[in-house]
Amino acid sequence: MVHVALPESSINPTKAQGKPGYFADTGIPALIREMMALGCSGGPKQMIAKIAGGAQIMDPNNVFNIGARNVLAVKKVLWKYGVSPRTEDVGGTISRTVTLSAKNGRITLSSPGKEDWRL
């Protein structure tokens, strides 16, 4: 799982080297490389991608539009690898907490004031 904070590592290449998961353009490739090193057979096209997040919560006037830019950057990198998201829950104005079960691959989302839901 990658928790993307910013879309492009070019704004801070030093940080990207130490924390590639902070950026979409370095985090997704790092995750794919790690999965392949751990024995994921069939290559990236056999992987299942699910996307959650990209809410507009700290920028109500859309000055930076980081959420939408992050979602677009994630999709762009996935498409480069031939992977299209199976499901997504993105955008809006609510924060999401993502829980991934390593045992069964289920993703559960939660948000203050809402009942948990699955992705």
Protein backbone atom coordinates (compact mmCIF):
# COMPACT_ATOMS: atom_id res chain seq x y z
CA MET A 1 0.00 0.00 0.00
CA VAL A 2 1.20 3.51 -0.78
CA HIS A 3 -0.02 6.64 1.01
CA VAL A 4 0.59 9.36 -1.56
CA ALA A 5 0.91 12.90 -0.20
CA LEU A 6 2.01 14.67 -3.39
CA PRO A 7 1.81 13.83 -7.09
CA GLU A 8 5.33 14.57 -8.34
CA SER A 9 8.73 13.90 -6.80
CA SER A 10 10.35 16.65 -8.87
CA ILE A 11 9.45 19.16 -6.16
CA ASN A 12 11.74 17.40 -3.67
CA PRO A 13 14.02 14.73 -5.24
CA THR A 14 15.96 14.30 -1.99
CA LYS A 15 12.80 13.40 -0.08
CA ALA A 16 11.75 11.07 -2.90
CA GLN A 17 14.98 9.10 -2.51
CA GLY A 18 14.39 8.53 1.20
CA LYS A 19 10.59 8.29 1.12
CA PRO A 20 9.47 7.27 -2.37
CA GLY A 21 5.95 6.47 -1.14
CA TYR A 22 5.35 10.14 -0.42
CA PHE A 23 4.97 10.83 -4.14
CA ALA A 24 2.79 9.06 -6.72
CA ASP A 25 5.46 8.95 -9.43
CA THR A 26 8.01 7.23 -7.17
CA GLY A 27 5.77 5.37 -4.70
CA ILE A 28 3.83 3.25 -7.17
CA PRO A 29 6.96 2.05 -9.05
CA ALA A 30 8.67 1.30 -5.71
CA LEU A 31 5.67 -0.75 -4.57
CA ILE A 32 5.56 -2.68 -7.86
CA ARG A 33 9.31 -3.39 -7.68
CA GLU A 34 8.97 -4.63 -4.10
CA MET A 35 6.02 -6.85 -4.97
CA MET A 36 7.96 -8.35 -7.87
CA ALA A 37 10.99 -8.92 -5.63
CA LEU A 38 8.75 -10.75 -3.16
CA GLY A 39 7.53 -13.13 -5.86
CA CYS A 40 4.44 -11.56 -7.40
CA SER A 41 4.21 -13.60 -10.56
CA GLY A 42 2.81 -12.39 -13.85
CA GLY A 43 4.08 -8.83 -13.64
CA PRO A 44 2.19 -5.63 -12.90
CA LYS A 45 -0.64 -6.44 -15.31
CA GLN A 46 -1.64 -9.29 -12.98
CA MET A 47 -1.84 -7.00 -9.95
CA ILE A 48 -5.05 -5.59 -8.55
CA ALA A 49 -5.11 -1.87 -7.84
CA LYS A 50 -7.68 -0.07 -5.73
CA ILE A 51 -7.57 3.66 -5.08
CA ALA A 52 -8.96 5.59 -2.13
CA GLY A 53 -8.48 9.20 -1.11
CA GLY A 54 -7.89 12.37 -3.01
CA ALA A 55 -10.36 14.36 -0.92
CA GLN A 56 -10.39 18.14 -0.93
CA ILE A 57 -10.19 18.68 2.83
CA MET A 58 -7.38 21.13 3.54
CA ASP A 59 -7.85 23.34 0.49
CA PRO A 60 -11.54 24.35 0.37
CA ASN A 61 -10.95 26.94 -2.38
CA ASN A 62 -9.16 24.49 -4.70
CA VAL A 63 -6.02 26.61 -4.75
CA PHE A 64 -3.68 23.62 -4.96
CA ASN A 65 -6.15 20.84 -5.82
CA ILE A 66 -3.74 18.25 -4.39
CA GLY A 67 -6.37 15.53 -3.97
CA ALA A 68 -7.41 15.51 -7.63
CA ARG A 69 -3.80 15.89 -8.76
CA ASN A 70 -2.78 12.90 -6.62
CA VAL A 71 -5.55 10.72 -8.04
CA LEU A 72 -4.62 11.66 -11.60
CA ALA A 73 -0.92 11.04 -10.94
CA VAL A 74 -1.63 7.61 -9.41
CA LYS A 75 -3.77 6.61 -12.39
CA LYS A 76 -1.15 7.87 -14.84
CA VAL A 77 1.58 5.75 -13.22
CA LEU A 78 -0.68 2.69 -13.03
CA TRP A 79 -1.60 3.07 -16.72
CA LYS A 80 2.10 3.23 -17.55
CA TYR A 81 2.39 -0.26 -16.05
CA GLY A 82 -0.75 -1.50 -17.77
CA VAL A 83 -2.78 -1.56 -14.57
CA SER A 84 -6.22 -0.02 -14.28
CA PRO A 85 -7.86 0.37 -10.89
CA ARG A 86 -10.43 -2.31 -10.16
CA THR A 87 -12.33 -0.01 -7.81
CA GLU A 88 -11.94 3.45 -6.38
CA ASP A 89 -13.44 5.78 -3.83
CA VAL A 90 -11.86 9.17 -4.49
CA GLY A 91 -12.53 12.88 -4.30
CA GLY A 92 -15.18 14.62 -2.33
CA THR A 93 -14.59 16.43 0.92
CA ILE A 94 -14.35 13.62 3.47
CA SER A 95 -11.15 12.18 4.87
CA ARG A 96 -10.74 8.42 4.66
CA THR A 97 -8.82 5.98 6.79
CA VAL A 98 -7.80 2.92 4.81
CA THR A 99 -7.34 -0.50 6.41
CA LEU A 100 -5.88 -3.32 4.33
CA SER A 101 -6.20 -6.90 5.51
CA ALA A 102 -3.05 -8.75 4.48
CA LYS A 103 -4.86 -12.02 5.14
CA ASN A 104 -7.61 -11.60 2.54
CA GLY A 105 -6.81 -8.40 0.63
CA ARG A 106 -9.96 -6.62 1.76
CA ILE A 107 -9.88 -2.89 2.01
CA THR A 108 -12.10 -1.16 4.54
CA LEU A 109 -12.61 2.59 4.56
CA SER A 110 -13.72 4.64 7.51
CA SER A 111 -14.51 8.29 7.99
CA PRO A 112 -15.75 10.29 10.98
CA GLY A 113 -19.52 10.20 11.22
CA LYS A 114 -19.94 7.46 8.61
CA GLU A 115 -20.33 3.73 8.85
CA ASP A 116 -17.31 1.76 7.57
CA TRP A 117 -17.51 0.57 3.98
CA ARG A 118 -15.51 -1.73 1.71
CA LEU A 119 -13.68 -0.89 -1.42
